[in-house]
C-alpha atoms as a PDB file:
ATOM      1  CA  MET A   1     107.983  75.653  92.575  1.00  0.00           C
ATOM      2  CA  PRO A   2     107.018  71.805  93.311  1.00  0.00           C
ATOM      3  CA  VAL A   3     106.200  69.823  90.341  1.00  0.00           C
ATOM      4  CA  ARG A   4     102.677  69.389  91.370  1.00  0.00           C
ATOM      5  CA  HIS A   5     101.899  73.065  90.916  1.00  0.00           C
ATOM      6  CA  ARG A   6     103.760  73.761  87.735  1.00  0.00           C
ATOM      7  CA  HIS A   7     101.320  72.779  85.355  1.00  0.00           C
ATOM      8  CA  VAL A   8      98.930  75.799  86.318  1.00  0.00           C
ATOM      9  CA  PHE A   9     101.801  78.262  85.316  1.00  0.00           C
ATOM     10  CA  ASP A  10     102.468  76.396  81.894  1.00  0.00           C
ATOM     11  CA  LYS A  11      99.270  78.181  80.622  1.00  0.00           C
ATOM     12  CA  ASP A  12     101.260  81.499  80.288  1.00  0.00           C
ATOM     13  CA  SER A  13     104.094  81.416  77.789  1.00  0.00           C
ATOM     14  CA  ASP A  14     105.763  84.379  79.610  1.00  0.00           C
ATOM     15  CA  LYS A  15     105.249  82.909  83.113  1.00  0.00           C
ATOM     16  CA  PHE A  16     104.599  85.938  85.039  1.00  0.00           C
ATOM     17  CA  VAL A  17     102.626  85.686  88.466  1.00  0.00           C
ATOM     18  CA  THR A  18     101.280  88.186  90.833  1.00  0.00           C
ATOM     19  CA  ILE A  19     102.449  88.130  94.404  1.00  0.00           C
ATOM     20  CA  THR A  20     100.497  89.831  97.121  1.00  0.00           C
ATOM     21  CA  ARG A  21     100.264  89.901 100.858  1.00  0.00           C
ATOM     22  CA  ASP A  22      97.280  88.810 102.968  1.00  0.00           C
ATOM     23  CA  ASP A  23      96.627  90.469 106.580  1.00  0.00           C
ATOM     24  CA  SER A  24      96.724  86.648 107.820  1.00  0.00           C
ATOM     25  CA  GLY A  25     100.360  86.553 107.478  1.00  0.00           C
ATOM     26  CA  PHE A  26     101.014  84.998 104.278  1.00  0.00           C
ATOM     27  CA  LEU A  27     101.645  85.663 100.651  1.00  0.00           C
ATOM     28  CA  MET A  28      99.358  84.879  97.720  1.00  0.00           C
ATOM     29  CA  ILE A  29     100.601  83.720  94.381  1.00  0.00           C
ATOM     30  CA  PHE A  30      98.200  84.019  91.378  1.00  0.00           C
ATOM     31  CA  GLN A  31      98.715  82.762  87.878  1.00  0.00           C
ATOM     32  CA  ARG A  32      97.804  85.717  85.508  1.00  0.00           C
ATOM     33  CA  GLU A  33      94.229  84.482  84.791  1.00  0.00           C
ATOM     34  CA  ALA A  34      93.521  83.731  88.491  1.00  0.00           C
ATOM     35  CA  TRP A  35      94.754  87.244  89.312  1.00  0.00           C
ATOM     36  CA  GLN A  36      92.278  88.848  86.931  1.00  0.00           C
ATOM     37  CA  HIS A  37      89.521  86.579  88.229  1.00  0.00           C
ATOM     38  CA  PHE A  38      90.328  87.533  91.722  1.00  0.00           C
ATOM     39  CA  LEU A  39      90.334  91.310  90.751  1.00  0.00           C
ATOM     40  CA  GLU A  40      86.866  91.072  88.989  1.00  0.00           C
ATOM     41  CA  ASN A  41      84.885  88.630  91.523  1.00  0.00           C
ATOM     42  CA  LYS A  42      86.547  88.882  95.055  1.00  0.00           C
ATOM     43  CA  ILE A  43      87.368  92.687  95.068  1.00  0.00           C
ATOM     44  CA  LYS A  44      83.872  94.265  95.487  1.00  0.00           C
ATOM     45  CA  PRO A  45      83.201  97.813  96.249  1.00  0.00           C
ATOM     46  CA  GLU A  46      81.830  97.109  99.774  1.00  0.00           C
ATOM     47  CA  LYS A  47      84.950  95.277 100.824  1.00  0.00           C
ATOM     48  CA  ASP A  48      87.146  96.961 103.647  1.00  0.00           C
ATOM     49  CA  GLU A  49      89.188  99.560 102.081  1.00  0.00           C
ATOM     50  CA  TRP A  50      92.279  98.386 104.233  1.00  0.00           C
ATOM     51  CA  ILE A  51      91.940  94.975 102.755  1.00  0.00           C
ATOM     52  CA  LYS A  52      91.929  96.372  99.127  1.00  0.00           C
ATOM     53  CA  ARG A  53      94.858  98.704 100.092  1.00  0.00           C
ATOM     54  CA  THR A  54      96.825  95.350 101.323  1.00  0.00           C
ATOM     55  CA  TRP A  55      96.087  93.545  98.275  1.00  0.00           C
ATOM     56  CA  PHE A  56      96.570  96.298  95.614  1.00  0.00           C
ATOM     57  CA  GLY A  57      99.252  98.044  97.418  1.00  0.00           C
ATOM     58  CA  SER A  58     101.637  95.190  97.841  1.00  0.00           C
ATOM     59  CA  ALA A  59     100.860  93.345  94.593  1.00  0.00           C
ATOM     60  CA  MET A  60     103.945  92.531  92.516  1.00  0.00           C
ATOM     61  CA  GLU A  61     104.393  91.022  89.121  1.00  0.00           C
ATOM     62  CA  VAL A  62     107.190  88.467  89.065  1.00  0.00           C
ATOM     63  CA  LYS A  63     108.689  86.285  86.338  1.00  0.00           C
ATOM     64  CA  LEU A  64     109.137  82.588  87.024  1.00  0.00           C
ATOM     65  CA  ASP A  65     112.594  81.391  85.881  1.00  0.00           C
ATOM     66  CA  ALA A  66     113.058  78.454  83.434  1.00  0.00           C
ATOM     67  CA  THR A  67     113.080  76.104  86.608  1.00  0.00           C
ATOM     68  CA  TYR A  68     109.850  77.764  88.059  1.00  0.00           C
ATOM     69  CA  ARG A  69     111.695  79.594  90.761  1.00  0.00           C
ATOM     70  CA  LEU A  70     110.533  82.887  91.834  1.00  0.00           C
ATOM     71  CA  LEU A  71     112.125  85.734  93.766  1.00  0.00           C
ATOM     72  CA  VAL A  72     109.930  87.255  96.409  1.00  0.00           C
ATOM     73  CA  SER A  73     111.028  91.051  97.252  1.00  0.00           C
ATOM     74  CA  PRO A  74     112.648  91.570 100.629  1.00  0.00           C
ATOM     75  CA  GLU A  75     109.614  93.801 101.383  1.00  0.00           C
ATOM     76  CA  LEU A  76     107.092  91.063 100.989  1.00  0.00           C
ATOM     77  CA  ARG A  77     109.403  88.515 102.538  1.00  0.00           C
ATOM     78  CA  ALA A  78     109.564  91.147 105.709  1.00  0.00           C
ATOM     79  CA  GLU A  79     105.836  91.531 105.849  1.00  0.00           C
ATOM     80  CA  VAL A  80     105.034  88.098 106.493  1.00  0.00           C
ATOM     81  CA  ASN A  81     108.256  87.414 108.540  1.00  0.00           C
ATOM     82  CA  LEU A  82     109.449  84.798 105.796  1.00  0.00           C
ATOM     83  CA  VAL A  83     113.051  84.311 106.965  1.00  0.00           C
ATOM     84  CA  ARG A  84     114.119  80.801 106.623  1.00  0.00           C
ATOM     85  CA  GLU A  85     111.750  77.918 105.772  1.00  0.00           C
ATOM     86  CA  ALA A  86     108.594  78.389 103.771  1.00  0.00           C
ATOM     87  CA  LYS A  87     105.474  76.255 103.236  1.00  0.00           C
ATOM     88  CA  LEU A  88     103.697  76.478  99.757  1.00  0.00           C
ATOM     89  CA  ILE A  89      99.992  75.560  99.807  1.00  0.00           C
ATOM     90  CA  GLY A  90      97.754  75.060  96.923  1.00  0.00           C
ATOM     91  CA  MET A  91      94.384  76.597  97.482  1.00  0.00           C
ATOM     92  CA  GLY A  92      92.588  76.092  94.240  1.00  0.00           C
ATOM     93  CA  ASP A  93      92.768  79.352  92.265  1.00  0.00           C
ATOM     94  CA  HIS A  94      96.079  80.533  94.052  1.00  0.00           C
ATOM     95  CA  LEU A  95      99.069  79.363  96.076  1.00  0.00           C
ATOM     96  CA  GLU A  96      99.637  80.527  99.709  1.00  0.00           C
ATOM     97  CA  LEU A  97     103.496  81.056 100.867  1.00  0.00           C
ATOM     98  CA  TRP A  98     103.919  80.924 104.573  1.00  0.00           C
ATOM     99  CA  ASP A  99     106.683  81.175 107.007  1.00  0.00           C
ATOM    100  CA  LYS A 100     106.637  77.437 108.073  1.00  0.00           C
ATOM    101  CA  ALA A 101     107.025  78.373 111.692  1.00  0.00           C
ATOM    102  CA  THR A 102     103.973  80.669 111.585  1.00  0.00           C
ATOM    103  CA  HIS A 103     101.902  78.308 109.661  1.00  0.00           C
ATOM    104  CA  ASP A 104     102.593  75.353 111.868  1.00  0.00           C
ATOM    105  CA  ALA A 105     101.799  77.549 114.981  1.00  0.00           C
ATOM    106  CA  LEU A 106      98.632  78.745 113.552  1.00  0.00           C
ATOM    107  CA  ARG A 107      97.499  75.321 112.299  1.00  0.00           C
ATOM    108  CA  ALA A 108      98.310  73.851 115.730  1.00  0.00           C
ATOM    109  CA  ALA A 109      96.335  76.486 117.508  1.00  0.00           C
ATOM    110  CA  ALA A 110      93.317  76.045 115.077  1.00  0.00           C
ATOM    111  CA  ARG A 111      93.391  72.206 115.623  1.00  0.00           C
ATOM    112  CA  ALA A 112      93.581  72.679 119.364  1.00  0.00           C
ATOM    113  CA  ALA A 113      90.329  74.999 119.241  1.00  0.00           C
ATOM    114  CA  ARG A 114      88.416  72.593 117.146  1.00  0.00           C
ATOM    115  CA  LEU A 115      89.301  69.624 119.545  1.00  0.00           C
ATOM    116  CA  ALA A 116      88.284  71.690 122.380  1.00  0.00           C
ATOM    117  CA  LYS A 117      84.882  72.498 120.850  1.00  0.00           C
ATOM    118  CA  ALA A 118      84.355  69.057 120.011  1.00  0.00           C
ATOM    119  CA  ALA A 119      85.109  67.969 123.604  1.00  0.00           C
ATOM    120  CA  GLN A 120      82.579  70.574 124.815  1.00  0.00           C
ATOM    121  CA  GLY A 121      79.963  69.160 122.510  1.00  0.00           C
ATOM    122  CA  THR A 122      80.414  65.536 123.735  1.00  0.00           C
ATOM    123  CA  ALA A 123      80.658  66.607 127.364  1.00  0.00           C
ATOM    124  CA  ALA A 124      77.138  68.296 127.302  1.00  0.00           C
END
């Protein structure tokens, strides 16, 4: 865990986090309070049942070690193709853990789409 994110996990003396999968191809890592908030405020009855199944069905509680490392289960790693290099991104109330190659490819595609859209707007 990079130093810049560690302060969030110092709130819990036992340093447990919840890791769950998102269908967009990454893992979400929540500090205990943030996971409770997520459950109470983001999981609405009208939400797609498959999204809820993904979030709840893959959720695992993991303890950070003394140096803030965490062990991601082989099942979760396989679900998001986390094989070699990883990218950890702070998202306010949680962290996203991506396979670096997947993240970089999706980011490049999103940037290209934004640039193409901007170019269409100036060409008109």
